[in-house]
Amino acid sequence: MSTLTRIEVSPGGVRLGHGVLAARRMRGPGPVVRVGLVGTEALLLAGDHVRLEVVVRGCAVEVVEIGGTVAYDMRDGATTSARWDVDVRLADGARLDWRAEPFVVATGADVRRTTTVELDGDSAATLRERVVLGRTGETGGRLTTSTHVTRDGVPLLVETLDLVRETAPGWAVLGAARCLDTVTALGHRLPDGPDVLQLAGQGSVRRWLGVDLHASVLDREPVTAGA
């Protein structure tokens, strides 16, 4: 099942289109437009293809996920995988702050996630992705996550991570950890630090690896895309 949720914000108004994730306008601080995402049915199951499109022109937008997502065991059906695709387009002057809730990949799940971001002019974004391989007591399933970011058509960040703790590729990235917490700044930079990768263009990636997500140090230093 493929569904599309679309968020489009401009000085002329807010347009929301709903799929299995419903988008709802929320009260926001000052001029910031806040949009909440809430699941309307069980997610993520074998055969699901969740698509999210976010288009922002000349506004500051905060996307709030009301709850986390669990990708369930997919081994017993005719279709044994699922997709989760995010497409973000920010026009000149746009700001986006999106701090995702945990994305849990249960044992037996096989998920492909892609994030595509197009920035124009002086637009900026802060994106947070929290991945947990396995529920309590589980090893976790397979997750392939790809990020492709351009600024004015020029590549800013291109990355693919193959995360599966049962085989060599995942162990090369995660080691003994089961949680990967990432903050990505686009169009602005995070402060320098031992866990911060400064991109060649205007952007940064900060990561934390650990066993328990609540121990992440990224919770202690919130950043915004307001630069």
N, C-alpha and C. Protein backbone atom coordinates (compact mmCIF):
# COMPACT_ATOMS: atom_id res chain seq x y z
N MET A 1 0.84 -1.19 0.00
CA MET A 1 0.00 0.00 0.00
C MET A 1 0.88 1.24 0.00
N SER A 2 0.68 2.11 -0.99
CA SER A 2 1.44 3.35 -1.09
C SER A 2 0.54 4.53 -0.79
N THR A 3 0.98 5.39 0.13
CA THR A 3 0.19 6.57 0.48
C THR A 3 1.10 7.79 0.56
N LEU A 4 0.51 8.95 0.31
CA LEU A 4 1.27 10.20 0.29
C LEU A 4 0.69 11.18 1.30
N THR A 5 1.57 11.73 2.13
CA THR A 5 1.22 12.85 3.01
C THR A 5 2.01 14.06 2.54
N ARG A 6 1.30 15.16 2.31
CA ARG A 6 1.96 16.35 1.75
C ARG A 6 1.71 17.57 2.64
N ILE A 7 2.80 18.30 2.91
CA ILE A 7 2.74 19.55 3.67
C ILE A 7 3.30 20.65 2.79
N GLU A 8 2.48 21.64 2.51
CA GLU A 8 2.92 22.76 1.67
C GLU A 8 2.60 24.06 2.41
N VAL A 9 3.65 24.84 2.68
CA VAL A 9 3.49 26.08 3.46
C VAL A 9 4.12 27.23 2.69
N SER A 10 3.37 28.30 2.57
CA SER A 10 3.86 29.52 1.91
C SER A 10 3.19 30.70 2.60
N PRO A 11 3.64 31.93 2.31
CA PRO A 11 2.97 33.10 2.90
C PRO A 11 1.48 33.15 2.59
N GLY A 12 1.06 32.45 1.54
CA GLY A 12 -0.34 32.45 1.17
C GLY A 12 -1.20 31.47 1.94
N GLY A 13 -0.58 30.58 2.73
CA GLY A 13 -1.37 29.65 3.51
C GLY A 13 -0.72 28.29 3.67
N VAL A 14 -1.46 27.37 4.27
CA VAL A 14 -0.99 26.02 4.55
C VAL A 14 -1.92 25.03 3.88
N ARG A 15 -1.34 24.12 3.11
CA ARG A 15 -2.12 23.08 2.45
C ARG A 15 -1.62 21.72 2.92
N LEU A 16 -2.52 20.87 3.40
CA LEU A 16 -2.15 19.58 3.96
C LEU A 16 -2.90 18.47 3.24
N GLY A 17 -2.17 17.44 2.83
CA GLY A 17 -2.77 16.25 2.23
C GLY A 17 -2.40 15.04 3.05
N HIS A 18 -3.35 14.13 3.25
CA HIS A 18 -3.18 13.07 4.23
C HIS A 18 -3.07 11.69 3.57
N GLY A 19 -2.16 10.86 4.12
CA GLY A 19 -2.09 9.45 3.81
C GLY A 19 -2.29 8.67 5.09
N VAL A 20 -1.52 7.59 5.29
CA VAL A 20 -1.61 6.87 6.57
C VAL A 20 -1.05 7.71 7.70
N LEU A 21 -0.25 8.72 7.35
CA LEU A 21 0.15 9.75 8.31
C LEU A 21 -0.71 10.97 8.06
N ALA A 22 -1.46 11.38 9.07
CA ALA A 22 -2.29 12.57 8.95
C ALA A 22 -1.49 13.79 9.38
N ALA A 23 -1.58 14.86 8.60
CA ALA A 23 -0.91 16.12 8.93
C ALA A 23 -1.95 17.08 9.50
N ARG A 24 -1.64 17.66 10.67
CA ARG A 24 -2.57 18.55 11.35
C ARG A 24 -1.86 19.84 11.75
N ARG A 25 -2.51 20.97 11.52
CA ARG A 25 -1.95 22.26 11.93
C ARG A 25 -2.03 22.37 13.45
N MET A 26 -0.93 22.80 14.06
CA MET A 26 -0.85 22.96 15.49
C MET A 26 -0.48 24.40 15.82
N ARG A 27 -0.73 24.78 17.07
CA ARG A 27 -0.28 26.09 17.50
C ARG A 27 1.24 26.12 17.55
N GLY A 28 1.84 27.18 17.04
CA GLY A 28 3.28 27.28 17.03
C GLY A 28 3.75 28.58 17.65
N PRO A 29 5.04 28.65 18.02
CA PRO A 29 5.57 29.87 18.63
C PRO A 29 5.76 30.97 17.61
N GLY A 30 5.18 32.13 17.88
CA GLY A 30 5.38 33.29 17.01
C GLY A 30 4.98 33.00 15.58
N PRO A 31 5.86 33.35 14.63
CA PRO A 31 5.51 33.18 13.22
C PRO A 31 5.76 31.77 12.69
N VAL A 32 6.25 30.87 13.52
CA VAL A 32 6.55 29.51 13.06
C VAL A 32 5.27 28.73 12.82
N VAL A 33 5.17 28.08 11.66
CA VAL A 33 4.04 27.21 11.35
C VAL A 33 4.38 25.81 11.84
N ARG A 34 3.55 25.29 12.74
CA ARG A 34 3.81 23.96 13.32
C ARG A 34 2.79 22.98 12.77
N VAL A 35 3.31 21.85 12.25
CA VAL A 35 2.46 20.81 11.68
C VAL A 35 2.76 19.50 12.37
N GLY A 36 1.72 18.83 12.86
CA GLY A 36 1.90 17.54 13.52
C GLY A 36 1.61 16.39 12.58
N LEU A 37 2.37 15.30 12.74
CA LEU A 37 2.15 14.07 11.98
C LEU A 37 1.72 12.97 12.94
N VAL A 38 0.60 12.33 12.64
CA VAL A 38 0.11 11.25 13.50
C VAL A 38 -0.35 10.09 12.63
N GLY A 39 0.03 8.87 13.00
CA GLY A 39 -0.38 7.70 12.26
C GLY A 39 -1.87 7.41 12.44
N THR A 40 -2.55 7.05 11.36
CA THR A 40 -3.97 6.75 11.41
C THR A 40 -4.25 5.25 11.44
N GLU A 41 -3.19 4.44 11.28
CA GLU A 41 -3.32 3.00 11.36
C GLU A 41 -1.95 2.40 11.67
N ALA A 42 -1.90 1.09 11.83
CA ALA A 42 -0.65 0.43 12.22
C ALA A 42 0.43 0.67 11.17
N LEU A 43 1.62 1.03 11.63
CA LEU A 43 2.79 1.23 10.79
C LEU A 43 3.99 0.62 11.49
N LEU A 44 4.88 0.07 10.77
CA LEU A 44 5.05 -0.08 9.33
C LEU A 44 4.95 -1.57 9.06
N LEU A 45 4.14 -1.98 8.08
CA LEU A 45 3.91 -3.39 7.79
C LEU A 45 4.50 -3.74 6.42
N ALA A 46 4.65 -5.03 6.16
CA ALA A 46 5.16 -5.49 4.88
C ALA A 46 4.31 -4.93 3.75
N GLY A 47 4.97 -4.42 2.71
CA GLY A 47 4.26 -3.87 1.57
C GLY A 47 3.91 -2.41 1.69
N ASP A 48 4.05 -1.81 2.87
CA ASP A 48 3.74 -0.39 3.04
C ASP A 48 4.78 0.47 2.32
N HIS A 49 4.31 1.54 1.72
CA HIS A 49 5.19 2.55 1.13
C HIS A 49 4.68 3.91 1.58
N VAL A 50 5.32 4.45 2.60
CA VAL A 50 4.93 5.74 3.15
C VAL A 50 5.75 6.82 2.45
N ARG A 51 5.05 7.80 1.88
CA ARG A 51 5.71 8.92 1.20
C ARG A 51 5.29 10.22 1.86
N LEU A 52 6.28 11.06 2.14
CA LEU A 52 6.02 12.38 2.73
C LEU A 52 6.68 13.43 1.86
N GLU A 53 5.93 14.46 1.52
CA GLU A 53 6.46 15.60 0.77
C GLU A 53 6.27 16.86 1.60
N VAL A 54 7.33 17.63 1.72
CA VAL A 54 7.28 18.91 2.45
C VAL A 54 7.82 19.99 1.54
N VAL A 55 6.99 20.99 1.29
CA VAL A 55 7.38 22.12 0.43
C VAL A 55 7.18 23.40 1.24
N VAL A 56 8.24 24.20 1.38
CA VAL A 56 8.16 25.43 2.18
C VAL A 56 8.70 26.59 1.34
N ARG A 57 7.94 27.66 1.32
CA ARG A 57 8.35 28.87 0.59
C ARG A 57 8.21 30.07 1.52
N GLY A 58 9.32 30.70 1.85
CA GLY A 58 9.29 31.97 2.57
C GLY A 58 8.72 31.91 3.97
N CYS A 59 8.77 30.77 4.63
CA CYS A 59 8.20 30.62 5.98
C CYS A 59 9.13 29.75 6.83
N ALA A 60 8.89 29.79 8.15
CA ALA A 60 9.55 28.89 9.08
C ALA A 60 8.54 27.83 9.51
N VAL A 61 8.92 26.56 9.38
CA VAL A 61 8.01 25.44 9.64
C VAL A 61 8.68 24.47 10.62
N GLU A 62 7.89 24.00 11.57
CA GLU A 62 8.32 22.93 12.46
C GLU A 62 7.40 21.73 12.26
N VAL A 63 7.99 20.58 11.95
CA VAL A 63 7.22 19.34 11.82
C VAL A 63 7.39 18.54 13.11
N VAL A 64 6.26 18.14 13.71
CA VAL A 64 6.27 17.44 14.99
C VAL A 64 5.64 16.07 14.80
N GLU A 65 6.38 15.02 15.11
CA GLU A 65 5.82 13.68 15.07
C GLU A 65 5.20 13.38 16.43
N ILE A 66 3.92 13.01 16.43
CA ILE A 66 3.19 12.80 17.68
C ILE A 66 3.66 11.53 18.38
N GLY A 67 4.11 10.55 17.63
CA GLY A 67 4.61 9.30 18.23
C GLY A 67 5.64 8.66 17.35
N GLY A 68 6.35 7.67 17.88
CA GLY A 68 7.35 6.96 17.12
C GLY A 68 6.73 5.97 16.14
N THR A 69 7.59 5.29 15.38
CA THR A 69 7.15 4.31 14.38
C THR A 69 7.86 2.99 14.63
N VAL A 70 7.12 1.90 14.51
CA VAL A 70 7.70 0.55 14.62
C VAL A 70 7.52 -0.17 13.29
N ALA A 71 8.61 -0.63 12.70
CA ALA A 71 8.56 -1.51 11.54
C ALA A 71 8.52 -2.95 12.06
N TYR A 72 7.41 -3.63 11.79
CA TYR A 72 7.17 -4.95 12.38
C TYR A 72 7.78 -6.07 11.53
N ASP A 73 7.82 -7.27 12.10
CA ASP A 73 8.33 -8.46 11.43
C ASP A 73 7.61 -8.64 10.09
N MET A 74 8.38 -8.78 9.01
CA MET A 74 7.81 -8.85 7.66
C MET A 74 8.12 -10.17 6.96
N ARG A 75 8.56 -11.17 7.67
CA ARG A 75 9.07 -12.39 7.02
C ARG A 75 8.00 -13.36 6.56
N ASP A 76 6.75 -13.24 7.02
CA ASP A 76 5.76 -14.29 6.76
C ASP A 76 4.88 -14.04 5.55
N GLY A 77 4.91 -12.86 4.95
CA GLY A 77 4.02 -12.56 3.83
C GLY A 77 4.69 -12.73 2.48
N ALA A 78 3.89 -12.54 1.42
CA ALA A 78 4.43 -12.61 0.07
C ALA A 78 5.36 -11.43 -0.20
N THR A 79 5.05 -10.28 0.42
CA THR A 79 5.92 -9.11 0.35
C THR A 79 6.63 -8.97 1.69
N THR A 80 7.94 -8.84 1.66
CA THR A 80 8.71 -8.93 2.91
C THR A 80 9.53 -7.67 3.20
N SER A 81 9.12 -6.54 2.63
CA SER A 81 9.85 -5.30 2.89
C SER A 81 8.89 -4.12 2.83
N ALA A 82 9.39 -2.94 3.21
CA ALA A 82 8.59 -1.72 3.21
C ALA A 82 9.50 -0.54 2.89
N ARG A 83 8.86 0.59 2.50
CA ARG A 83 9.61 1.80 2.17
C ARG A 83 9.07 2.99 2.94
N TRP A 84 9.98 3.95 3.17
CA TRP A 84 9.62 5.20 3.86
C TRP A 84 10.42 6.30 3.18
N ASP A 85 9.78 7.11 2.35
CA ASP A 85 10.47 8.11 1.54
C ASP A 85 10.03 9.52 1.91
N VAL A 86 11.01 10.39 2.13
CA VAL A 86 10.76 11.79 2.49
C VAL A 86 11.38 12.68 1.42
N ASP A 87 10.58 13.61 0.90
CA ASP A 87 11.05 14.54 -0.13
C ASP A 87 10.79 15.96 0.37
N VAL A 88 11.86 16.73 0.58
CA VAL A 88 11.76 18.09 1.13
C VAL A 88 12.28 19.07 0.10
N ARG A 89 11.51 20.14 -0.13
CA ARG A 89 11.93 21.21 -1.03
C ARG A 89 11.75 22.55 -0.32
N LEU A 90 12.86 23.26 -0.15
CA LEU A 90 12.85 24.54 0.57
C LEU A 90 13.27 25.66 -0.38
N ALA A 91 12.36 26.59 -0.60
CA ALA A 91 12.67 27.74 -1.44
C ALA A 91 13.49 28.77 -0.66
N ASP A 92 14.02 29.74 -1.37
CA ASP A 92 14.84 30.79 -0.76
C ASP A 92 14.10 31.41 0.42
N GLY A 93 14.78 31.48 1.57
CA GLY A 93 14.21 32.08 2.77
C GLY A 93 13.45 31.13 3.65
N ALA A 94 13.26 29.89 3.24
CA ALA A 94 12.49 28.92 4.03
C ALA A 94 13.34 28.34 5.16
N ARG A 95 12.67 27.96 6.26
CA ARG A 95 13.30 27.31 7.40
C ARG A 95 12.47 26.09 7.79
N LEU A 96 13.16 24.98 8.07
CA LEU A 96 12.47 23.76 8.48
C LEU A 96 13.18 23.15 9.68
N ASP A 97 12.42 22.81 10.71
CA ASP A 97 12.93 22.11 11.89
C ASP A 97 12.09 20.85 12.06
N TRP A 98 12.71 19.68 11.92
CA TRP A 98 11.98 18.40 11.97
C TRP A 98 12.76 17.44 12.85
N ARG A 99 12.29 17.22 14.07
CA ARG A 99 12.93 16.31 15.03
C ARG A 99 12.10 15.03 15.10
N ALA A 100 12.48 14.03 14.35
CA ALA A 100 11.68 12.80 14.25
C ALA A 100 11.71 12.02 15.56
N GLU A 101 10.60 11.36 15.85
CA GLU A 101 10.53 10.44 16.98
C GLU A 101 11.22 9.12 16.59
N PRO A 102 11.52 8.25 17.57
CA PRO A 102 12.27 7.02 17.26
C PRO A 102 11.61 6.16 16.19
N PHE A 103 12.44 5.62 15.31
CA PHE A 103 12.03 4.69 14.27
C PHE A 103 12.63 3.33 14.64
N VAL A 104 11.78 2.41 15.09
CA VAL A 104 12.22 1.13 15.62
C VAL A 104 12.07 0.05 14.56
N VAL A 105 13.14 -0.67 14.28
CA VAL A 105 13.13 -1.73 13.28
C VAL A 105 13.18 -3.07 14.00
N ALA A 106 12.02 -3.71 14.12
CA ALA A 106 11.92 -4.97 14.85
C ALA A 106 12.64 -6.09 14.10
N THR A 107 12.98 -7.13 14.82
CA THR A 107 13.58 -8.31 14.18
C THR A 107 12.61 -8.84 13.12
N GLY A 108 13.15 -9.11 11.92
CA GLY A 108 12.33 -9.59 10.81
C GLY A 108 11.84 -8.50 9.89
N ALA A 109 12.03 -7.24 10.27
CA ALA A 109 11.64 -6.13 9.39
C ALA A 109 12.75 -5.83 8.39
N ASP A 110 12.35 -5.36 7.21
CA ASP A 110 13.29 -4.99 6.16
C ASP A 110 12.77 -3.69 5.55
N VAL A 111 13.47 -2.60 5.82
CA VAL A 111 12.96 -1.28 5.46
C VAL A 111 14.01 -0.50 4.67
N ARG A 112 13.54 0.20 3.65
CA ARG A 112 14.37 1.13 2.90
C ARG A 112 13.84 2.53 3.15
N ARG A 113 14.69 3.40 3.70
CA ARG A 113 14.31 4.79 3.95
C ARG A 113 15.16 5.71 3.07
N THR A 114 14.52 6.68 2.44
CA THR A 114 15.26 7.68 1.67
C THR A 114 14.80 9.07 2.10
N THR A 115 15.76 9.98 2.17
CA THR A 115 15.47 11.38 2.45
C THR A 115 16.14 12.22 1.37
N THR A 116 15.34 12.98 0.64
CA THR A 116 15.84 13.86 -0.41
C THR A 116 15.50 15.29 -0.03
N VAL A 117 16.51 16.16 -0.02
CA VAL A 117 16.30 17.56 0.36
C VAL A 117 16.88 18.45 -0.73
N GLU A 118 16.08 19.40 -1.20
CA GLU A 118 16.53 20.40 -2.16
C GLU A 118 16.42 21.77 -1.50
N LEU A 119 17.57 22.43 -1.32
CA LEU A 119 17.59 23.78 -0.73
C LEU A 119 17.93 24.80 -1.81
N ASP A 120 17.22 25.91 -1.78
CA ASP A 120 17.51 27.00 -2.71
C ASP A 120 17.88 28.24 -1.91
N GLY A 121 18.81 29.02 -2.45
CA GLY A 121 19.19 30.29 -1.83
C GLY A 121 19.68 30.12 -0.42
N ASP A 122 19.13 30.93 0.52
CA ASP A 122 19.60 30.88 1.90
C ASP A 122 18.67 30.05 2.79
N SER A 123 17.91 29.13 2.22
CA SER A 123 17.06 28.26 3.03
C SER A 123 17.91 27.38 3.93
N ALA A 124 17.30 26.88 5.01
CA ALA A 124 18.04 26.08 5.99
C ALA A 124 17.11 25.09 6.66
N ALA A 125 17.70 24.00 7.14
CA ALA A 125 16.92 22.97 7.82
C ALA A 125 17.75 22.31 8.91
N THR A 126 17.05 21.84 9.93
CA THR A 126 17.63 20.97 10.95
C THR A 126 16.78 19.72 11.01
N LEU A 127 17.39 18.58 10.76
CA LEU A 127 16.68 17.30 10.73
C LEU A 127 17.28 16.36 11.77
N ARG A 128 16.42 15.71 12.54
CA ARG A 128 16.90 14.72 13.50
C ARG A 128 16.28 13.37 13.17
N GLU A 129 17.11 12.34 13.13
CA GLU A 129 16.65 10.98 12.85
C GLU A 129 17.15 10.07 13.97
N ARG A 130 16.22 9.34 14.60
CA ARG A 130 16.57 8.42 15.69
C ARG A 130 16.16 7.01 15.30
N VAL A 131 17.14 6.16 15.10
CA VAL A 131 16.91 4.79 14.66
C VAL A 131 17.26 3.83 15.79
N VAL A 132 16.38 2.86 16.03
CA VAL A 132 16.61 1.83 17.04
C VAL A 132 16.44 0.47 16.37
N LEU A 133 17.48 -0.34 16.38
CA LEU A 133 17.40 -1.68 15.81
C LEU A 133 16.94 -2.66 16.88
N GLY A 134 15.70 -3.08 16.76
CA GLY A 134 15.14 -4.08 17.67
C GLY A 134 14.40 -3.47 18.83
N ARG A 135 13.28 -4.10 19.18
CA ARG A 135 12.61 -3.77 20.43
C ARG A 135 13.38 -4.42 21.57
N THR A 136 12.94 -4.22 22.78
CA THR A 136 13.66 -4.75 23.95
C THR A 136 13.86 -6.26 23.80
N GLY A 137 15.12 -6.70 23.91
CA GLY A 137 15.44 -8.12 23.82
C GLY A 137 15.64 -8.63 22.41
N GLU A 138 15.48 -7.77 21.38
CA GLU A 138 15.63 -8.20 19.99
C GLU A 138 16.97 -7.73 19.41
N THR A 139 17.41 -8.46 18.36
CA THR A 139 18.60 -8.03 17.62
C THR A 139 18.26 -6.90 16.66
N GLY A 140 17.07 -6.96 16.08
CA GLY A 140 16.65 -5.93 15.13
C GLY A 140 16.72 -6.43 13.71
N GLY A 141 15.97 -5.77 12.83
CA GLY A 141 15.90 -6.16 11.43
C GLY A 141 16.90 -5.40 10.58
N ARG A 142 16.54 -5.24 9.31
CA ARG A 142 17.42 -4.61 8.34
C ARG A 142 16.87 -3.23 7.95
N LEU A 143 17.74 -2.24 7.96
CA LEU A 143 17.39 -0.90 7.54
C LEU A 143 18.47 -0.35 6.63
N THR A 144 18.07 0.07 5.43
CA THR A 144 18.96 0.80 4.55
C THR A 144 18.44 2.22 4.45
N THR A 145 19.26 3.18 4.85
CA THR A 145 18.81 4.57 4.87
C THR A 145 19.74 5.42 3.99
N SER A 146 19.13 6.17 3.07
CA SER A 146 19.89 6.99 2.13
C SER A 146 19.47 8.45 2.26
N THR A 147 20.46 9.35 2.19
CA THR A 147 20.20 10.78 2.25
C THR A 147 20.87 11.45 1.06
N HIS A 148 20.12 12.29 0.37
CA HIS A 148 20.66 13.01 -0.79
C HIS A 148 20.21 14.47 -0.68
N VAL A 149 21.16 15.36 -0.44
CA VAL A 149 20.86 16.77 -0.23
C VAL A 149 21.58 17.60 -1.28
N THR A 150 20.85 18.54 -1.89
CA THR A 150 21.47 19.49 -2.81
C THR A 150 21.15 20.91 -2.37
N ARG A 151 22.06 21.82 -2.68
CA ARG A 151 21.82 23.25 -2.44
C ARG A 151 22.06 23.98 -3.74
N ASP A 152 21.02 24.61 -4.26
CA ASP A 152 21.07 25.26 -5.57
C ASP A 152 21.55 24.28 -6.64
N GLY A 153 21.12 23.03 -6.52
CA GLY A 153 21.44 22.01 -7.50
C GLY A 153 22.78 21.33 -7.32
N VAL A 154 23.58 21.79 -6.35
CA VAL A 154 24.92 21.23 -6.11
C VAL A 154 24.84 20.25 -4.93
N PRO A 155 25.38 19.03 -5.06
CA PRO A 155 25.33 18.07 -3.94
C PRO A 155 25.98 18.62 -2.69
N LEU A 156 25.27 18.49 -1.56
CA LEU A 156 25.78 18.91 -0.26
C LEU A 156 26.06 17.70 0.62
N LEU A 157 25.20 16.69 0.56
CA LEU A 157 25.38 15.47 1.35
C LEU A 157 24.77 14.30 0.60
N VAL A 158 25.57 13.27 0.36
CA VAL A 158 25.10 12.04 -0.28
C VAL A 158 25.62 10.87 0.55
N GLU A 159 24.71 10.09 1.11
CA GLU A 159 25.12 9.05 2.05
C GLU A 159 24.12 7.89 2.03
N THR A 160 24.65 6.69 2.13
CA THR A 160 23.81 5.50 2.30
C THR A 160 24.40 4.64 3.41
N LEU A 161 23.57 4.27 4.39
CA LEU A 161 23.99 3.41 5.49
C LEU A 161 23.19 2.12 5.44
N ASP A 162 23.89 1.00 5.49
CA ASP A 162 23.26 -0.32 5.53
C ASP A 162 23.35 -0.81 6.97
N LEU A 163 22.23 -0.76 7.67
CA LEU A 163 22.22 -1.05 9.10
C LEU A 163 21.51 -2.38 9.35
N VAL A 164 22.27 -3.38 9.66
CA VAL A 164 21.71 -4.68 10.04
C VAL A 164 22.72 -5.33 10.96
N ARG A 165 22.37 -5.58 12.19
CA ARG A 165 23.34 -6.01 13.20
C ARG A 165 23.70 -7.49 13.06
N GLU A 166 22.96 -8.24 12.22
CA GLU A 166 23.22 -9.68 12.12
C GLU A 166 24.32 -10.01 11.11
N THR A 167 24.72 -9.03 10.28
CA THR A 167 25.75 -9.28 9.27
C THR A 167 26.79 -8.18 9.31
N ALA A 168 27.85 -8.36 8.57
CA ALA A 168 29.02 -7.49 8.66
C ALA A 168 28.76 -6.01 8.38
N PRO A 169 27.96 -5.62 7.35
CA PRO A 169 27.84 -4.18 7.07
C PRO A 169 27.36 -3.37 8.27
N GLY A 170 26.33 -3.86 8.96
CA GLY A 170 25.82 -3.11 10.10
C GLY A 170 26.82 -3.01 11.23
N TRP A 171 27.55 -4.09 11.48
CA TRP A 171 28.53 -4.06 12.55
C TRP A 171 29.64 -3.06 12.25
N ALA A 172 29.95 -2.86 10.98
CA ALA A 172 30.99 -1.90 10.63
C ALA A 172 30.57 -0.48 10.99
N VAL A 173 29.27 -0.21 10.98
CA VAL A 173 28.77 1.13 11.30
C VAL A 173 28.44 1.26 12.78
N LEU A 174 27.74 0.26 13.33
CA LEU A 174 27.17 0.38 14.66
C LEU A 174 28.01 -0.24 15.77
N GLY A 175 28.87 -1.19 15.43
CA GLY A 175 29.59 -1.90 16.48
C GLY A 175 28.61 -2.61 17.38
N ALA A 176 28.75 -2.46 18.69
CA ALA A 176 27.86 -3.11 19.64
C ALA A 176 26.60 -2.30 19.92
N ALA A 177 26.49 -1.12 19.31
CA ALA A 177 25.34 -0.25 19.56
C ALA A 177 24.11 -0.75 18.80
N ARG A 178 22.94 -0.35 19.29
CA ARG A 178 21.69 -0.64 18.58
C ARG A 178 20.91 0.62 18.25
N CYS A 179 21.42 1.78 18.70
CA CYS A 179 20.74 3.05 18.48
C CYS A 179 21.66 4.02 17.75
N LEU A 180 21.11 4.70 16.75
CA LEU A 180 21.85 5.71 16.00
C LEU A 180 21.01 6.99 16.01
N ASP A 181 21.55 8.02 16.65
CA ASP A 181 20.87 9.30 16.77
C ASP A 181 21.65 10.33 15.95
N THR A 182 20.97 11.00 15.03
CA THR A 182 21.66 11.90 14.10
C THR A 182 20.95 13.24 14.02
N VAL A 183 21.72 14.32 14.12
CA VAL A 183 21.22 15.66 13.83
C VAL A 183 21.97 16.17 12.60
N THR A 184 21.23 16.57 11.58
CA THR A 184 21.82 17.07 10.35
C THR A 184 21.41 18.52 10.16
N ALA A 185 22.41 19.39 10.08
CA ALA A 185 22.18 20.82 9.83
C ALA A 185 22.47 21.10 8.36
N LEU A 186 21.54 21.75 7.69
CA LEU A 186 21.67 22.04 6.27
C LEU A 186 21.42 23.53 6.05
N GLY A 187 22.38 24.18 5.40
CA GLY A 187 22.27 25.63 5.22
C GLY A 187 22.78 26.41 6.41
N HIS A 188 23.24 25.73 7.44
CA HIS A 188 23.90 26.34 8.60
C HIS A 188 24.78 25.27 9.23
N ARG A 189 25.59 25.64 10.20
CA ARG A 189 26.54 24.69 10.79
C ARG A 189 26.29 24.52 12.28
N LEU A 190 26.59 23.32 12.76
CA LEU A 190 26.61 23.05 14.19
C LEU A 190 27.97 23.45 14.75
N PRO A 191 28.07 23.73 16.04
CA PRO A 191 29.38 24.01 16.62
C PRO A 191 30.33 22.83 16.45
N ASP A 192 31.61 23.12 16.30
CA ASP A 192 32.61 22.06 16.18
C ASP A 192 32.63 21.18 17.42
N GLY A 193 32.93 19.90 17.22
CA GLY A 193 33.04 18.96 18.32
C GLY A 193 33.58 17.64 17.81
N PRO A 194 34.01 16.75 18.70
CA PRO A 194 34.59 15.48 18.27
C PRO A 194 33.60 14.57 17.56
N ASP A 195 32.29 14.79 17.76
CA ASP A 195 31.28 13.95 17.12
C ASP A 195 30.54 14.68 16.01
N VAL A 196 31.14 15.79 15.52
CA VAL A 196 30.51 16.59 14.48
C VAL A 196 31.33 16.51 13.20
N LEU A 197 30.66 16.18 12.10
CA LEU A 197 31.28 16.20 10.78
C LEU A 197 30.84 17.48 10.06
N GLN A 198 31.80 18.36 9.76
CA GLN A 198 31.49 19.57 9.01
C GLN A 198 31.60 19.25 7.52
N LEU A 199 30.52 19.51 6.80
CA LEU A 199 30.50 19.21 5.38
C LEU A 199 31.31 20.25 4.60
N ALA A 200 31.65 19.92 3.36
CA ALA A 200 32.40 20.87 2.53
C ALA A 200 31.57 22.12 2.26
N GLY A 201 30.26 21.94 2.11
CA GLY A 201 29.36 23.07 1.97
C GLY A 201 28.80 23.47 3.32
N GLN A 202 27.80 24.33 3.31
CA GLN A 202 27.24 24.86 4.55
C GLN A 202 26.33 23.81 5.19
N GLY A 203 26.91 23.01 6.08
CA GLY A 203 26.13 21.97 6.75
C GLY A 203 26.99 21.15 7.68
N SER A 204 26.34 20.39 8.56
CA SER A 204 27.04 19.56 9.55
C SER A 204 26.20 18.33 9.85
N VAL A 205 26.89 17.27 10.29
CA VAL A 205 26.22 16.05 10.76
C VAL A 205 26.81 15.69 12.11
N ARG A 206 25.93 15.52 13.11
CA ARG A 206 26.38 15.09 14.43
C ARG A 206 25.69 13.77 14.77
N ARG A 207 26.46 12.80 15.29
CA ARG A 207 25.90 11.48 15.56
C ARG A 207 26.28 10.99 16.95
N TRP A 208 25.38 10.17 17.48
CA TRP A 208 25.60 9.47 18.74
C TRP A 208 25.22 8.01 18.54
N LEU A 209 26.07 7.11 19.02
CA LEU A 209 25.80 5.67 19.00
C LEU A 209 25.69 5.16 20.42
N GLY A 210 24.72 4.28 20.67
CA GLY A 210 24.60 3.74 22.01
C GLY A 210 23.64 2.58 22.08
N VAL A 211 23.45 2.06 23.27
CA VAL A 211 22.58 0.92 23.49
C VAL A 211 21.17 1.37 23.84
N ASP A 212 21.05 2.45 24.62
CA ASP A 212 19.75 2.95 25.06
C ASP A 212 19.57 4.38 24.57
N LEU A 213 18.50 4.61 23.81
CA LEU A 213 18.32 5.91 23.16
C LEU A 213 18.16 7.05 24.17
N HIS A 214 17.59 6.76 25.32
CA HIS A 214 17.38 7.82 26.31
C HIS A 214 18.70 8.40 26.83
N ALA A 215 19.81 7.70 26.57
CA ALA A 215 21.12 8.18 27.02
C ALA A 215 21.79 9.11 26.01
N SER A 216 21.14 9.36 24.88
CA SER A 216 21.76 10.17 23.84
C SER A 216 22.10 11.57 24.33
N VAL A 217 23.31 12.02 24.02
CA VAL A 217 23.74 13.37 24.41
C VAL A 217 23.10 14.42 23.52
N LEU A 218 22.52 14.01 22.40
CA LEU A 218 21.92 15.00 21.49
C LEU A 218 20.67 15.63 22.07
N ASP A 219 20.07 14.99 23.07
CA ASP A 219 18.90 15.57 23.73
C ASP A 219 19.26 16.81 24.55
N ARG A 220 20.52 16.95 24.89
CA ARG A 220 20.92 18.00 25.82
C ARG A 220 21.27 19.31 25.13
N GLU A 221 21.42 19.29 23.81
CA GLU A 221 21.86 20.48 23.11
C GLU A 221 20.99 20.72 21.89
N PRO A 222 19.76 21.20 22.06
CA PRO A 222 18.90 21.45 20.92
C PRO A 222 19.46 22.57 20.04
N VAL A 223 19.26 22.42 18.74
CA VAL A 223 19.68 23.45 17.80
C VAL A 223 18.50 23.73 16.88
N THR A 224 18.49 24.90 16.28
CA THR A 224 17.42 25.26 15.36
C THR A 224 18.01 25.67 14.03
N ALA A 225 17.13 25.74 13.05
CA ALA A 225 17.55 26.13 11.71
C ALA A 225 17.34 27.61 11.48
N GLY A 226 17.61 28.41 12.49
CA GLY A 226 17.31 29.83 12.39
C GLY A 226 18.47 30.70 11.96
N ALA A 227 19.62 30.08 11.69
CA ALA A 227 20.79 30.90 11.37
C ALA A 227 20.61 31.61 10.03
